[in-house]
Amino acid sequence: MEAKSLANIEPHIEVYDVERITHTSYGNAGKIALIGAFPTSTFQLDIFTDLDSAKNALIGEYKLPGDNSVENANKTVVPTTFVSFYCLDYIFNTTNQSRGAESVLIVNTNYNKQTLVQESTNTDIANACTLLAEEEFDILTIAENVKLATLVDESNILNPVWATLKSFVDSQFYNQKPFGIITGVDLTNATSTIASEFKDLFHDKGIFKAVTTPVRMNGSAESLNIAESGCWHSAFTSGRAVNRSETGKVYNGIIGENSKDTYPLNGNITWKQLLDNGFHTTKYKNRRLGTIQCLSNITPADYDMKIERVKNYIIKRLALADVLGEDNNRPTRDYIKGLFEYEKQLAIQNNYLIDLEYNITNIDTTTVKAELKLYIPDIIRVVVLNVSLEVAAYEEA
């Protein structure tokens, strides 16, 4: 075939839409699992790397706001009461501080229902967790306004959905699939006692960010709801290396609401009580400019979130499943030791760990026990500055 001549082609630029691909490197754990009640009964579970594909799969018989196309003229816009659907705009968000999610694995709690609901029940969440048990993800987010407290027999108690989520956290950790929860928390009817019960429940692991304060995007007149705010934070954290703390750091691109103003010290539940119980809180960095910083990202386990993320990341990188089915002999144990030593040196070299200790022993003919101790650097929470003053006379040089 004769080669096509480009001599008479006018120089121009061609732009094409392509699926977004997030390239990962060491220290990134950006796979999000998202549970919500979406406006369709035919979608159950799938993974997405871009917003448009997710919306097209989850929109059901509705249409998007602003869609004036002829083919969708007889359809109605997705009702705003389907909070989960509108959370999609924020779970795929990126900023100049965060590359955003590597992927978003979505579970629809309305799958196969005769009548669509707009809020998932505890049973719905439990069923969604069962679906996710075989999947790989790093962060779990609920695309709904998850209440901290719920009313039972005229008394407010800790919402049972948190116990459901903690059970899933524990079972996945047991199966070497650890993850952390980042989600918006509705504090309606919450009390300091219930906040303390939440901390007790997640005292060892499970919560990365229990987001309490709505996000307001720069240039927007209104704040996001708490579910959307949780999704924004999930996307933000997912796109940052696991050893990056958010405590004391400014969130570029968000302004306005902050925990100290939203939950004053004389309120039903205060920002100090939230801080003490491991909830995510914010404050003004500069009130005049409206810049917001993370007041604290210390979790209910009393660690900074980055410590829990590093722990999960290292555990996942130890590919112990590769030795299943191998002979229980010295070469196999030497392979495990080599795997641990490689990950140790890599983590120390990249400043994720100070040290890693391990020991490998046989329990019986079919079981090998590996003991692991991680030394993860903590964050600086207090800086002490001692200042002395001496008054001196000016002298010409």
Protein backbone atom coordinates (compact mmCIF):
# COMPACT_ATOMS: atom_id res chain seq x y z
CA MET A 1 0.00 0.00 0.00
CA GLU A 2 1.29 3.44 -0.91
CA ALA A 3 2.24 5.51 2.13
CA LYS A 4 -0.11 8.41 2.83
CA SER A 5 1.52 11.79 2.21
CA LEU A 6 1.34 14.28 5.09
CA ALA A 7 2.68 17.16 3.00
CA ASN A 8 -0.74 18.76 2.47
CA ILE A 9 -2.14 18.19 5.99
CA GLU A 10 -2.80 21.34 7.97
CA PRO A 11 -1.04 21.16 11.35
CA HIS A 12 -3.64 20.61 14.04
CA ILE A 13 -4.31 19.03 17.44
CA GLU A 14 -6.64 16.06 17.93
CA VAL A 15 -8.14 15.33 21.36
CA TYR A 16 -9.86 12.06 22.29
CA ASP A 17 -11.64 10.91 25.46
CA VAL A 18 -9.88 7.90 26.99
CA GLU A 19 -10.48 5.92 30.14
CA ARG A 20 -8.55 7.40 33.04
CA ILE A 21 -5.74 5.17 34.28
CA THR A 22 -4.02 5.93 37.57
CA HIS A 23 -0.47 4.62 37.64
CA THR A 24 0.63 3.45 41.05
CA SER A 25 4.03 3.28 42.67
CA TYR A 26 5.41 2.02 45.97
CA GLY A 27 3.38 3.32 48.88
CA ASN A 28 0.08 3.83 47.05
CA ALA A 29 -3.01 1.96 48.24
CA GLY A 30 -5.79 3.67 46.30
CA LYS A 31 -8.43 1.03 45.62
CA ILE A 32 -11.79 2.15 47.02
CA ALA A 33 -14.86 -0.02 47.63
CA LEU A 34 -18.08 2.03 47.59
CA ILE A 35 -21.41 0.77 48.96
CA GLY A 36 -24.66 2.59 48.24
CA ALA A 37 -28.31 2.48 47.21
CA PHE A 38 -28.16 3.46 43.54
CA PRO A 39 -31.18 4.15 41.25
CA THR A 40 -31.15 0.80 39.41
CA SER A 41 -32.03 -2.79 40.27
CA THR A 42 -30.03 -4.40 37.45
CA PHE A 43 -26.50 -3.45 38.55
CA GLN A 44 -24.84 -5.42 41.35
CA LEU A 45 -21.06 -4.98 41.40
CA ASP A 46 -18.34 -3.72 39.09
CA ILE A 47 -15.10 -1.77 39.11
CA PHE A 48 -14.55 1.64 37.51
CA THR A 49 -11.67 4.01 36.87
CA ASP A 50 -13.66 6.99 35.56
CA LEU A 51 -16.77 8.92 36.53
CA ASP A 52 -18.68 8.75 33.24
CA SER A 53 -18.57 4.96 33.04
CA ALA A 54 -19.80 4.67 36.63
CA LYS A 55 -22.69 7.07 36.07
CA ASN A 56 -23.75 5.34 32.85
CA ALA A 57 -23.82 1.98 34.63
CA LEU A 58 -25.75 3.24 37.67
CA ILE A 59 -28.22 5.76 36.29
CA GLY A 60 -30.96 3.23 35.61
CA GLU A 61 -34.04 4.64 33.85
CA TYR A 62 -33.22 8.23 34.79
CA LYS A 63 -31.13 10.93 33.13
CA LEU A 64 -28.46 13.34 34.35
CA PRO A 65 -29.23 16.94 35.34
CA GLY A 66 -28.86 19.20 32.31
CA ASP A 67 -29.48 16.36 29.82
CA ASN A 68 -31.70 17.97 27.17
CA SER A 69 -31.12 15.31 24.52
CA VAL A 70 -34.02 14.12 22.37
CA GLU A 71 -33.44 10.44 23.19
CA ASN A 72 -33.84 11.11 26.92
CA ALA A 73 -36.66 13.65 26.64
CA ASN A 74 -39.17 11.35 28.37
CA LYS A 75 -36.89 10.46 31.24
CA THR A 76 -36.76 12.26 34.59
CA VAL A 77 -33.60 13.48 36.26
CA VAL A 78 -32.14 11.28 39.00
CA PRO A 79 -33.86 12.48 42.21
CA THR A 80 -31.46 14.18 44.60
CA THR A 81 -32.74 11.83 47.30
CA PHE A 82 -30.57 9.13 45.69
CA VAL A 83 -27.63 10.46 47.68
CA SER A 84 -25.37 7.59 46.60
CA PHE A 85 -25.59 8.52 42.93
CA TYR A 86 -24.56 12.11 43.53
CA CYS A 87 -21.65 10.92 45.68
CA LEU A 88 -20.04 9.60 42.49
CA ASP A 89 -18.98 13.13 41.57
CA TYR A 90 -16.67 13.19 44.59
CA ILE A 91 -15.38 9.62 44.86
CA PHE A 92 -13.51 10.17 41.57
CA ASN A 93 -12.23 13.61 42.63
CA THR A 94 -8.58 14.63 42.22
CA THR A 95 -6.70 17.65 43.58
CA ASN A 96 -3.23 19.13 43.28
CA GLN A 97 -2.42 17.24 46.51
CA SER A 98 -3.90 13.88 45.53
CA ARG A 99 -4.06 11.84 42.34
CA GLY A 100 -7.36 10.31 43.45
CA ALA A 101 -8.54 6.73 43.51
CA GLU A 102 -6.75 4.04 41.53
CA SER A 103 -10.12 2.35 41.06
CA VAL A 104 -13.60 2.35 42.60
CA LEU A 105 -15.35 -0.97 43.18
CA ILE A 106 -19.07 -0.25 43.52
CA VAL A 107 -21.72 -2.41 45.20
CA ASN A 108 -25.38 -1.51 44.70
CA THR A 109 -27.68 -2.45 47.58
CA ASN A 110 -30.73 -1.99 45.32
CA TYR A 111 -29.74 -4.92 43.12
CA ASN A 112 -32.68 -7.20 42.30
CA LYS A 113 -35.13 -5.22 44.45
CA GLN A 114 -38.70 -4.80 43.25
CA THR A 115 -38.87 -1.32 44.72
CA LEU A 116 -35.86 0.96 44.80
CA VAL A 117 -34.90 2.40 48.17
CA GLN A 118 -32.74 5.44 48.77
CA GLU A 119 -31.05 4.32 51.97
CA SER A 120 -29.43 0.98 52.77
CA THR A 121 -30.40 -1.05 55.82
CA ASN A 122 -27.95 -2.77 58.14
CA THR A 123 -28.82 -6.04 56.36
CA ASP A 124 -28.09 -4.41 53.00
CA ILE A 125 -24.67 -3.30 54.23
CA ALA A 126 -23.94 -6.78 55.61
CA ASN A 127 -24.88 -8.38 52.27
CA ALA A 128 -22.68 -5.89 50.43
CA CYS A 129 -19.76 -6.78 52.70
CA THR A 130 -20.28 -10.45 51.88
CA LEU A 131 -20.00 -9.60 48.17
CA LEU A 132 -16.81 -7.65 48.82
CA ALA A 133 -15.12 -10.37 50.86
CA GLU A 134 -13.33 -11.88 47.84
CA GLU A 135 -12.37 -8.51 46.35
CA GLU A 136 -9.21 -6.44 46.68
CA PHE A 137 -9.56 -2.90 48.05
CA ASP A 138 -7.84 -0.60 50.53
CA ILE A 139 -10.57 1.80 51.64
CA LEU A 140 -14.28 1.21 52.25
CA THR A 141 -16.74 4.09 51.91
CA ILE A 142 -20.52 4.19 52.37
CA ALA A 143 -22.11 6.59 49.88
CA GLU A 144 -24.88 7.52 52.31
CA ASN A 145 -25.39 9.61 55.43
CA VAL A 146 -24.41 6.97 57.99
CA LYS A 147 -25.74 7.93 61.40
CA LEU A 148 -23.55 7.49 64.44
CA ALA A 149 -26.64 7.08 66.65
CA THR A 150 -30.01 5.49 65.95
CA LEU A 151 -33.26 5.56 67.91
CA VAL A 152 -34.36 2.24 69.44
CA ASP A 153 -37.21 2.06 71.96
CA GLU A 154 -37.09 5.83 72.44
CA SER A 155 -33.39 5.74 73.30
CA ASN A 156 -30.42 6.65 71.13
CA ILE A 157 -27.83 3.89 70.79
CA LEU A 158 -24.75 3.34 68.65
CA ASN A 159 -25.98 2.52 65.15
CA PRO A 160 -25.71 -1.32 64.71
CA VAL A 161 -24.24 -0.81 61.23
CA TRP A 162 -20.93 0.07 62.89
CA ALA A 163 -20.76 -3.36 64.52
CA THR A 164 -21.50 -4.90 61.10
CA LEU A 165 -18.65 -2.94 59.55
CA LYS A 166 -16.26 -3.81 62.42
CA SER A 167 -17.02 -7.51 61.97
CA PHE A 168 -16.11 -7.17 58.29
CA VAL A 169 -12.91 -5.29 59.17
CA ASP A 170 -11.86 -8.13 61.49
CA SER A 171 -12.68 -10.94 59.06
CA GLN A 172 -10.82 -9.29 56.18
CA PHE A 173 -7.80 -8.62 58.40
CA TYR A 174 -7.81 -12.30 59.39
CA ASN A 175 -7.73 -13.21 55.67
CA GLN A 176 -4.78 -10.85 54.96
CA LYS A 177 -7.04 -8.34 53.23
CA PRO A 178 -6.93 -5.40 55.65
CA PHE A 179 -8.69 -2.15 54.81
CA GLY A 180 -9.77 1.02 56.55
CA ILE A 181 -13.08 2.87 56.56
CA ILE A 182 -13.36 6.45 55.35
CA THR A 183 -16.94 7.66 55.39
CA GLY A 184 -19.16 10.56 56.40
CA VAL A 185 -20.75 10.28 59.83
CA ASP A 186 -24.11 11.93 60.57
CA LEU A 187 -23.95 13.14 64.18
CA THR A 188 -27.69 13.78 64.55
CA ASN A 189 -28.69 12.74 68.10
CA ALA A 190 -25.09 11.74 68.86
CA THR A 191 -23.79 12.11 72.42
CA SER A 192 -20.38 11.90 74.01
CA THR A 193 -21.33 8.48 75.43
CA ILE A 194 -22.14 7.10 71.99
CA ALA A 195 -18.96 8.63 70.58
CA SER A 196 -17.03 6.81 73.31
CA GLU A 197 -18.76 3.54 72.39
CA PHE A 198 -17.68 4.08 68.79
CA LYS A 199 -14.07 4.50 69.93
CA ASP A 200 -14.29 1.35 72.05
CA LEU A 201 -15.64 -0.65 69.12
CA PHE A 202 -12.80 0.39 66.80
CA HIS A 203 -10.15 0.54 69.54
CA ASP A 204 -7.71 -1.72 67.68
CA LYS A 205 -8.27 -1.00 63.97
CA GLY A 206 -10.74 -0.24 61.20
CA ILE A 207 -11.30 3.51 60.98
CA PHE A 208 -9.12 5.73 58.81
CA LYS A 209 -11.37 8.80 58.79
CA ALA A 210 -14.80 9.14 60.40
CA VAL A 211 -15.63 12.43 58.67
CA THR A 212 -17.79 14.69 60.83
CA THR A 213 -17.63 18.09 59.16
CA PRO A 214 -19.07 18.93 55.71
CA VAL A 215 -16.71 19.93 52.93
CA ARG A 216 -17.33 23.15 51.02
CA MET A 217 -15.51 23.38 47.73
CA ASN A 218 -13.67 26.57 46.87
CA GLY A 219 -16.02 28.77 44.84
CA SER A 220 -19.18 26.99 45.99
CA ALA A 221 -21.88 28.73 48.00
CA GLU A 222 -23.06 25.55 49.74
CA SER A 223 -21.37 22.69 51.53
CA LEU A 224 -21.57 19.09 50.42
CA ASN A 225 -23.73 16.76 52.49
CA ILE A 226 -21.89 14.47 54.89
CA ALA A 227 -22.02 11.47 52.52
CA GLU A 228 -20.49 13.50 49.68
CA SER A 229 -17.94 14.92 52.11
CA GLY A 230 -16.94 11.41 53.13
CA CYS A 231 -16.46 10.50 49.47
CA TRP A 232 -14.33 13.60 48.88
CA HIS A 233 -12.09 12.61 51.78
CA SER A 234 -11.93 9.00 50.60
CA ALA A 235 -10.75 10.08 47.15
CA PHE A 236 -8.29 12.53 48.68
CA THR A 237 -6.65 9.97 50.97
CA SER A 238 -6.67 7.19 48.38
CA GLY A 239 -4.49 9.24 46.04
CA ARG A 240 -1.76 9.92 48.60
CA ALA A 241 1.07 7.65 49.73
CA VAL A 242 0.18 5.61 52.81
CA ASN A 243 2.94 7.20 54.90
CA ARG A 244 1.56 10.73 54.44
CA SER A 245 -0.19 12.08 57.52
CA GLU A 246 -2.99 14.62 57.17
CA THR A 247 -2.83 15.90 60.75
CA GLY A 248 -2.08 19.62 60.72
CA LYS A 249 -2.09 19.78 56.91
CA VAL A 250 -4.12 22.19 54.77
CA TYR A 251 -6.75 20.77 52.41
CA ASN A 252 -6.26 22.76 49.23
CA GLY A 253 -9.49 23.51 47.39
CA ILE A 254 -11.90 23.37 50.34
CA ILE A 255 -13.01 26.31 52.45
CA GLY A 256 -15.58 27.30 55.02
CA GLU A 257 -16.95 24.75 57.44
CA ASN A 258 -14.70 23.48 60.21
CA SER A 259 -15.23 21.29 63.25
CA LYS A 260 -14.48 23.93 65.89
CA ASP A 261 -17.29 26.15 64.60
CA THR A 262 -19.69 23.34 63.64
CA TYR A 263 -19.41 21.59 67.03
CA PRO A 264 -18.81 24.34 69.62
CA LEU A 265 -17.76 23.46 73.14
CA ASN A 266 -21.26 24.10 74.48
CA GLY A 267 -23.00 21.83 71.96
CA ASN A 268 -24.65 18.41 72.35
CA ILE A 269 -21.43 16.87 71.10
CA THR A 270 -18.31 19.01 70.90
CA TRP A 271 -15.28 19.07 68.66
CA LYS A 272 -13.12 18.19 71.68
CA GLN A 273 -15.20 15.06 72.33
CA LEU A 274 -14.88 14.13 68.66
CA LEU A 275 -11.14 14.70 68.84
CA ASP A 276 -10.80 12.56 71.96
CA ASN A 277 -12.74 9.66 70.40
CA GLY A 278 -10.85 9.43 67.13
CA PHE A 279 -13.17 11.24 64.74
CA HIS A 280 -11.75 13.27 61.87
CA THR A 281 -11.85 16.99 62.69
CA THR A 282 -10.84 20.23 60.97
CA LYS A 283 -10.18 23.85 61.85
CA TYR A 284 -9.37 27.13 60.12
CA LYS A 285 -5.80 27.68 59.05
CA ASN A 286 -6.77 31.20 57.99
CA ARG A 287 -10.31 32.34 58.76
CA ARG A 288 -10.12 35.39 56.47
CA LEU A 289 -9.16 33.23 53.48
CA GLY A 290 -11.33 30.33 54.61
CA THR A 291 -8.49 27.80 54.33
CA ILE A 292 -9.11 24.56 56.20
CA GLN A 293 -6.62 22.21 57.78
CA CYS A 294 -6.94 18.83 59.46
CA LEU A 295 -7.13 19.40 63.20
CA SER A 296 -6.52 15.73 63.94
CA ASN A 297 -6.44 12.47 62.05
CA ILE A 298 -5.79 10.36 65.13
CA THR A 299 -8.06 7.32 64.82
CA PRO A 300 -10.06 5.50 67.53
CA ALA A 301 -7.01 3.21 67.89
CA ASP A 302 -5.06 6.30 69.08
CA TYR A 303 -2.75 6.18 66.07
CA ASP A 304 -2.41 8.67 63.29
CA MET A 305 -4.18 7.32 60.19
CA LYS A 306 -0.88 6.99 58.33
CA ILE A 307 0.32 4.39 60.86
CA GLU A 308 -2.74 2.21 60.20
CA ARG A 309 -2.38 2.65 56.45
CA VAL A 310 1.30 1.67 56.52
CA LYS A 311 0.51 -1.39 58.66
CA ASN A 312 -2.18 -2.56 56.22
CA TYR A 313 0.03 -1.85 53.23
CA ILE A 314 2.96 -3.91 54.51
CA ILE A 315 0.70 -6.80 55.50
CA LYS A 316 -0.81 -6.90 52.01
CA ARG A 317 2.57 -6.78 50.29
CA LEU A 318 3.68 -9.97 52.05
CA ALA A 319 2.43 -12.40 49.40
CA LEU A 320 2.18 -15.39 51.71
CA ALA A 321 -0.54 -16.96 49.57
CA ASP A 322 2.23 -17.87 47.11
CA VAL A 323 3.52 -20.56 49.48
CA LEU A 324 0.18 -22.34 49.84
CA GLY A 325 0.55 -25.79 48.29
CA GLU A 326 4.35 -25.75 48.58
CA ASP A 327 6.32 -28.32 50.55
CA ASN A 328 6.71 -27.58 54.23
CA ASN A 329 10.49 -27.72 54.22
CA ARG A 330 13.56 -25.53 54.61
CA PRO A 331 13.54 -24.10 51.04
CA THR A 332 9.97 -22.88 51.54
CA ARG A 333 10.76 -21.31 54.90
CA ASP A 334 13.85 -19.73 53.37
CA TYR A 335 11.63 -18.30 50.64
CA ILE A 336 9.35 -16.74 53.27
CA LYS A 337 12.34 -15.28 55.09
CA GLY A 338 13.63 -13.84 51.82
CA LEU A 339 10.22 -12.30 51.13
CA PHE A 340 10.14 -10.67 54.57
CA GLU A 341 13.70 -9.41 54.28
CA TYR A 342 13.05 -7.90 50.85
CA GLU A 343 9.97 -6.03 52.08
CA LYS A 344 11.81 -4.92 55.21
CA GLN A 345 14.66 -3.34 53.27
CA LEU A 346 12.29 -1.74 50.75
CA ALA A 347 10.10 -0.22 53.47
CA ILE A 348 13.07 1.10 55.45
CA GLN A 349 14.66 2.52 52.30
CA ASN A 350 11.44 4.40 51.50
CA ASN A 351 11.03 5.66 55.11
CA TYR A 352 7.85 3.69 55.74
CA LEU A 353 9.36 1.64 58.57
CA ILE A 354 12.15 2.08 61.08
CA ASP A 355 12.54 -1.68 61.40
CA LEU A 356 10.73 -4.95 60.84
CA GLU A 357 11.29 -8.05 62.95
CA TYR A 358 10.10 -11.48 61.89
CA ASN A 359 10.28 -15.10 62.98
CA ILE A 360 9.07 -18.20 61.14
CA THR A 361 8.31 -21.52 62.87
CA ASN A 362 6.40 -24.74 62.21
CA ILE A 363 3.24 -25.39 64.21
CA ASP A 364 2.64 -28.82 62.66
CA THR A 365 3.23 -30.63 59.36
CA THR A 366 0.77 -28.42 57.45
CA THR A 367 1.00 -25.08 59.26
CA VAL A 368 3.75 -22.46 59.24
CA LYS A 369 3.58 -19.56 61.68
CA ALA A 370 5.12 -16.20 60.77
CA GLU A 371 5.44 -13.60 63.53
CA LEU A 372 5.86 -10.00 62.46
CA LYS A 373 6.61 -6.80 64.37
CA LEU A 374 6.49 -3.45 62.58
CA TYR A 375 8.29 -0.35 63.82
CA ILE A 376 6.45 2.56 62.23
CA PRO A 377 7.56 6.15 62.90
CA ASP A 378 4.96 8.26 64.69
CA ILE A 379 4.14 11.83 63.69
CA ILE A 380 5.21 14.98 65.51
CA ARG A 381 2.18 16.21 67.45
CA VAL A 382 3.85 18.83 69.65
CA VAL A 383 6.70 21.25 68.98
CA VAL A 384 8.24 22.89 72.05
CA LEU A 385 9.99 26.19 71.33
CA ASN A 386 12.07 27.70 74.09
CA VAL A 387 12.83 31.39 73.55
CA SER A 388 15.26 33.54 75.49
CA LEU A 389 15.60 37.30 75.14
CA GLU A 390 18.52 39.60 75.65
CA VAL A 391 18.34 43.34 75.03
CA ALA A 392 21.55 44.59 73.39
CA ALA A 393 22.74 48.05 72.38
CA TYR A 394 23.27 48.82 68.67
CA GLU A 395 26.90 49.08 67.65
CA GLU A 396 28.41 50.21 64.35
CA ALA A 397 30.34 47.47 62.62
